Amino acid sequence: MARAASPRRRAAISVLAWIVALLIFFPILWTVLTSFKTEAEAVADPPSFVAFDWTLENYFVVQERSDYFRHFWNSVVISIGSTIIGLAIAVPAAWAMAFVPGKQTKNVLMWMLSTKMLPPVGVLVPIYLIFRDVGLLDTRVGLVIVLTLINLPIIVWMLYTYFREIPGDILEAARMDGANLRSEVLYVLLPMALPGIASTFLLNVILAWNEAFWTLNLTAANSAPLTAFIASYSSPEGLFYAKLSAASTMAIAPILILGWFSQKQLVRGLTFGAVK
């Protein structure tokens, strides 16, 4: 009976996984399809799935109305810049907590994680006033600083988890061979933790790319990323669903492509240290 149940169980799990995947993917698919409809077809009731007049007009209108590539470049600079700076800060912090832990290490980690539970709106006013006074409003530098700080706890926690999976004996052997701290980190620790670092990098790029609260409140025109580009299609006159869908598709396409081509690195990093 056990042998007969095993294939059925695997088949049931596969079917369930496909159902969950389709449910998650359906909103993205619907957004893409809506972007090829006219505004009248986008709000039609009942909606049509494929039986409609396909058009690229929304994409042309979006590009004419807004400079997509300027918003795209802002998103690239802000997301990658904040992630690189975050990694530069988090690597030595995670190394110290993983290999030279103190009595308060766990408390510090929990405190860092607790900052993610703070509603962003609770600190919006002071950050806005500080940025206004120092001239960082509507600048990419300002957004890089903010996104670095809000994602830093996640970066530290992920790197700490990966570093903990590396046997300390390997680092000790490197020290016995004459490696100093710099060589130990650069030539032993980082190469061994590269899958984890790569997945941390990719996940935090995605988090920064999708950040909307801070980008909408701290930018106006000069440094607005793609999240602000999408929000510009919500107006007092109402929502232009077809154009909003086209703008959303143009905004999520780069990060979807990045995730598709780097899925192996993401899975490898997220399972780094797992029992095989």
Protein backbone atom coordinates (compact mmCIF):
# COMPACT_ATOMS: atom_id res chain seq x y z
CA MET A 1 0.00 0.00 0.00
CA ALA A 2 2.85 2.36 0.84
CA ARG A 3 4.43 1.93 -2.57
CA ALA A 4 1.09 2.58 -4.33
CA ALA A 5 0.37 5.70 -2.22
CA SER A 6 3.71 7.36 -2.84
CA PRO A 7 3.17 8.18 -6.55
CA ARG A 8 -0.35 9.43 -5.82
CA ARG A 9 0.97 11.63 -3.05
CA ARG A 10 3.66 13.09 -5.32
CA ALA A 11 1.07 13.70 -8.01
CA ALA A 12 -1.26 15.41 -5.52
CA ILE A 13 1.57 17.65 -4.29
CA SER A 14 2.48 18.55 -7.88
CA VAL A 15 -1.13 19.42 -8.71
CA LEU A 16 -1.44 21.51 -5.54
CA ALA A 17 1.81 23.31 -6.35
CA TRP A 18 0.58 24.11 -9.87
CA ILE A 19 -2.73 25.42 -8.50
CA VAL A 20 -0.96 27.69 -6.00
CA ALA A 21 1.47 28.89 -8.68
CA LEU A 22 -1.37 29.70 -11.08
CA LEU A 23 -3.30 31.57 -8.38
CA ILE A 24 -0.22 33.66 -7.62
CA PHE A 25 0.55 34.26 -11.29
CA PHE A 26 -3.02 35.05 -12.39
CA PRO A 27 -3.04 38.73 -11.24
CA ILE A 28 0.15 39.33 -13.22
CA LEU A 29 -1.32 37.60 -16.28
CA TRP A 30 -4.54 39.63 -15.98
CA THR A 31 -2.56 42.87 -15.70
CA VAL A 32 -0.59 42.04 -18.84
CA LEU A 33 -3.75 41.14 -20.77
CA THR A 34 -5.54 44.30 -19.62
CA SER A 35 -2.63 46.39 -20.86
CA PHE A 36 -3.52 45.32 -24.43
CA LYS A 37 -7.17 46.33 -24.12
CA THR A 38 -8.90 49.63 -24.74
CA GLU A 39 -10.17 51.53 -21.71
CA ALA A 40 -13.75 50.47 -22.54
CA GLU A 41 -12.78 46.79 -22.75
CA ALA A 42 -10.72 47.04 -19.57
CA VAL A 43 -13.83 47.92 -17.53
CA ALA A 44 -16.28 45.73 -19.46
CA ASP A 45 -18.61 43.50 -17.43
CA PRO A 46 -18.27 40.60 -17.82
CA PRO A 47 -14.58 40.91 -18.65
CA SER A 48 -13.12 39.17 -21.66
CA PHE A 49 -10.07 36.99 -21.26
CA VAL A 50 -8.71 36.79 -24.82
CA ALA A 51 -11.66 37.75 -27.05
CA PHE A 52 -10.91 41.44 -27.41
CA ASP A 53 -9.24 43.77 -29.89
CA TRP A 54 -5.55 43.70 -29.01
CA THR A 55 -3.83 47.08 -29.14
CA LEU A 56 -0.46 48.62 -28.27
CA GLU A 57 -1.94 52.08 -27.91
CA ASN A 58 -1.63 52.09 -24.12
CA TYR A 59 2.12 51.51 -24.28
CA PHE A 60 2.59 54.34 -26.76
CA VAL A 61 0.47 56.68 -24.66
CA VAL A 62 2.35 55.74 -21.48
CA GLN A 63 5.72 56.39 -23.09
CA GLU A 64 4.56 59.69 -24.57
CA ARG A 65 3.10 60.88 -21.29
CA SER A 66 5.95 59.75 -19.04
CA ASP A 67 9.64 59.19 -19.61
CA TYR A 68 9.74 55.47 -18.83
CA PHE A 69 13.50 55.11 -19.25
CA ARG A 70 14.24 57.92 -16.77
CA HIS A 71 12.07 56.19 -14.16
CA PHE A 72 13.66 52.86 -15.07
CA TRP A 73 17.17 54.24 -14.60
CA ASN A 74 16.18 55.76 -11.25
CA SER A 75 14.89 52.35 -10.11
CA VAL A 76 18.12 50.65 -11.21
CA VAL A 77 20.36 53.15 -9.42
CA ILE A 78 18.26 53.21 -6.24
CA SER A 79 17.73 49.45 -5.91
CA ILE A 80 21.25 48.33 -6.81
CA GLY A 81 22.93 51.22 -4.99
CA SER A 82 21.05 50.62 -1.74
CA THR A 83 21.71 46.87 -1.92
CA ILE A 84 25.46 47.27 -2.51
CA ILE A 85 25.81 49.73 0.37
CA GLY A 86 23.69 47.48 2.57
CA LEU A 87 25.91 44.49 1.80
CA ALA A 88 29.05 46.52 2.52
CA ILE A 89 27.67 47.30 5.98
CA ALA A 90 26.04 43.94 6.65
CA VAL A 91 28.93 41.62 5.74
CA PRO A 92 31.24 42.72 8.61
CA ALA A 93 28.28 43.00 10.99
CA ALA A 94 27.05 39.48 10.17
CA TRP A 95 30.61 38.12 10.35
CA ALA A 96 31.09 39.56 13.84
CA MET A 97 27.75 38.22 15.07
CA ALA A 98 28.29 34.76 13.55
CA PHE A 99 31.92 34.13 14.48
CA VAL A 100 32.60 36.49 17.41
CA PRO A 101 29.23 36.49 19.19
CA GLY A 102 28.74 38.38 22.41
CA LYS A 103 26.23 38.05 25.20
CA GLN A 104 23.87 40.52 23.55
CA THR A 105 24.19 39.26 19.97
CA LYS A 106 20.78 37.59 19.91
CA ASN A 107 19.18 40.64 21.53
CA VAL A 108 20.77 42.91 18.93
CA LEU A 109 19.50 40.69 16.12
CA MET A 110 16.00 40.68 17.57
CA TRP A 111 16.10 44.44 18.02
CA MET A 112 17.16 44.89 14.40
CA LEU A 113 14.33 42.66 13.25
CA SER A 114 11.83 44.49 15.46
CA THR A 115 12.51 47.73 13.55
CA LYS A 116 10.81 46.13 10.52
CA MET A 117 7.61 45.95 12.57
CA LEU A 118 7.46 49.73 12.91
CA PRO A 119 4.87 51.27 10.56
CA PRO A 120 6.78 53.47 8.08
CA VAL A 121 4.24 56.25 8.48
CA GLY A 122 5.32 56.55 12.12
CA VAL A 123 8.71 57.97 11.10
CA LEU A 124 7.71 59.65 7.86
CA VAL A 125 7.40 63.18 9.26
CA PRO A 126 10.82 63.35 10.97
CA ILE A 127 12.59 61.78 8.00
CA TYR A 128 10.80 64.11 5.60
CA LEU A 129 11.78 67.16 7.65
CA ILE A 130 15.41 66.02 7.94
CA PHE A 131 15.63 65.36 4.21
CA ARG A 132 14.05 68.73 3.47
CA ASP A 133 16.56 70.55 5.66
CA VAL A 134 19.63 68.78 4.24
CA GLY A 135 18.46 68.92 0.63
CA LEU A 136 17.83 65.21 0.07
CA LEU A 137 14.18 65.42 -0.97
CA ASP A 138 13.56 64.17 -4.48
CA THR A 139 17.11 62.88 -4.86
CA ARG A 140 18.38 59.41 -5.65
CA VAL A 141 20.95 59.73 -2.85
CA GLY A 142 18.15 60.26 -0.34
CA LEU A 143 16.23 57.21 -1.53
CA VAL A 144 19.39 55.09 -1.51
CA ILE A 145 19.99 56.07 2.12
CA VAL A 146 16.41 55.33 3.18
CA LEU A 147 16.17 51.99 1.36
CA THR A 148 19.56 50.93 2.69
CA LEU A 149 18.44 51.57 6.25
CA ILE A 150 15.03 49.93 5.98
CA ASN A 151 16.40 46.78 4.30
CA LEU A 152 19.58 46.52 6.37
CA PRO A 153 18.01 44.31 9.09
CA ILE A 154 16.94 41.78 6.46
CA ILE A 155 20.38 41.78 4.83
CA VAL A 156 22.13 41.29 8.18
CA TRP A 157 19.77 38.50 9.22
CA MET A 158 20.14 36.63 5.95
CA LEU A 159 23.94 36.91 5.92
CA TYR A 160 24.12 35.95 9.60
CA THR A 161 22.10 32.81 8.83
CA TYR A 162 24.36 31.89 5.91
CA PHE A 163 27.58 32.60 7.83
CA ARG A 164 26.40 30.42 10.72
CA GLU A 165 26.30 27.45 8.34
CA ILE A 166 30.01 27.79 7.54
CA PRO A 167 32.15 25.64 9.87
CA GLY A 168 34.34 27.78 12.10
CA ASP A 169 37.10 25.19 11.80
CA ILE A 170 37.70 26.28 8.21
CA LEU A 171 38.33 29.88 9.27
CA GLU A 172 40.50 28.69 12.13
CA ALA A 173 42.58 26.60 9.70
CA ALA A 174 43.02 29.69 7.52
CA ARG A 175 44.31 31.63 10.54
CA MET A 176 46.75 28.84 11.37
CA ASP A 177 48.04 29.10 7.79
CA GLY A 178 48.81 32.76 8.39
CA ALA A 179 45.70 34.44 6.97
CA ASN A 180 44.90 37.81 8.51
CA LEU A 181 41.35 39.05 9.05
CA ARG A 182 41.14 40.65 5.62
CA SER A 183 42.33 37.50 3.82
CA GLU A 184 40.07 35.33 5.95
CA VAL A 185 37.00 37.31 4.96
CA LEU A 186 37.86 37.99 1.31
CA TYR A 187 39.39 34.67 0.29
CA VAL A 188 37.71 32.13 2.59
CA LEU A 189 34.41 33.38 4.00
CA LEU A 190 32.96 35.29 1.05
CA PRO A 191 33.66 32.60 -1.62
CA MET A 192 32.07 29.94 0.59
CA ALA A 193 29.03 32.13 1.29
CA LEU A 194 28.71 33.37 -2.30
CA PRO A 195 25.36 31.58 -2.98
CA GLY A 196 23.88 33.15 0.13
CA ILE A 197 25.29 36.57 -0.70
CA ALA A 198 23.96 36.33 -4.26
CA SER A 199 20.45 35.44 -3.09
CA THR A 200 20.57 38.22 -0.49
CA PHE A 201 21.61 40.67 -3.21
CA LEU A 202 18.83 39.59 -5.56
CA LEU A 203 16.09 39.56 -2.93
CA ASN A 204 17.01 43.01 -1.66
CA VAL A 205 17.14 44.41 -5.18
CA ILE A 206 13.58 43.13 -5.59
CA LEU A 207 12.51 44.66 -2.26
CA ALA A 208 14.03 48.01 -3.16
CA TRP A 209 12.59 47.89 -6.69
CA ASN A 210 9.08 47.31 -5.34
CA GLU A 211 9.25 49.86 -2.51
CA ALA A 212 6.40 52.32 -2.93
CA PHE A 213 5.76 54.11 0.37
CA TRP A 214 9.07 55.96 0.61
CA THR A 215 9.45 56.57 -3.10
CA LEU A 216 6.02 58.19 -3.30
CA ASN A 217 6.55 60.39 -0.24
CA LEU A 218 10.16 61.46 -0.75
CA THR A 219 10.22 62.05 -4.51
CA ALA A 220 8.43 64.32 -6.94
CA ALA A 221 9.89 64.24 -10.44
CA ASN A 222 13.69 64.18 -10.58
CA SER A 223 14.35 60.86 -8.81
CA ALA A 224 10.96 59.17 -9.14
CA PRO A 225 11.38 55.41 -9.79
CA LEU A 226 8.95 53.06 -11.50
CA THR A 227 6.68 52.76 -8.46
CA ALA A 228 5.95 56.49 -8.77
CA PHE A 229 5.63 55.97 -12.53
CA ILE A 230 2.77 53.52 -11.87
CA ALA A 231 1.09 55.76 -9.29
CA SER A 232 0.94 58.63 -11.77
CA TYR A 233 -1.89 56.83 -13.57
CA SER A 234 -4.19 57.24 -10.59
CA SER A 235 -5.83 60.66 -10.91
CA PRO A 236 -8.79 62.59 -9.45
CA GLU A 237 -10.65 61.81 -12.68
CA GLY A 238 -10.42 58.10 -11.86
CA LEU A 239 -8.29 55.11 -12.79
CA PHE A 240 -7.30 54.48 -16.37
CA TYR A 241 -7.17 50.71 -16.01
CA ALA A 242 -5.68 49.88 -19.39
CA LYS A 243 -2.96 52.51 -19.16
CA LEU A 244 -2.34 51.67 -15.50
CA SER A 245 -1.92 48.02 -16.51
CA ALA A 246 0.49 48.99 -19.28
CA ALA A 247 2.55 51.09 -16.87
CA SER A 248 2.52 48.25 -14.31
CA THR A 249 3.62 45.73 -16.94
CA MET A 250 6.48 47.99 -18.03
CA ALA A 251 7.51 48.44 -14.39
CA ILE A 252 7.47 44.78 -13.33
CA ALA A 253 8.87 43.31 -16.55
CA PRO A 254 12.56 44.01 -15.74
CA ILE A 255 12.37 42.50 -12.26
CA LEU A 256 10.40 39.49 -13.54
CA ILE A 257 13.05 38.87 -16.18
CA LEU A 258 15.79 39.20 -13.55
CA GLY A 259 14.01 36.73 -11.28
CA TRP A 260 13.48 34.29 -14.14
CA PHE A 261 17.13 34.21 -15.19
CA SER A 262 18.44 34.15 -11.60
CA GLN A 263 16.01 31.61 -10.16
CA LYS A 264 18.73 28.98 -9.80
CA GLN A 265 20.87 31.37 -7.78
CA LEU A 266 17.88 32.34 -5.65
CA VAL A 267 16.96 28.74 -4.88
CA ARG A 268 20.57 27.80 -4.25
CA GLY A 269 21.04 30.71 -1.89
CA LEU A 270 17.77 30.18 -0.04
CA THR A 271 18.63 26.50 0.51
CA PHE A 272 22.25 27.25 1.42
CA GLY A 273 23.23 25.11 4.37
CA ALA A 274 20.12 22.93 4.16
CA VAL A 275 20.40 19.20 4.73
CA LYS A 276 20.86 17.49 1.40
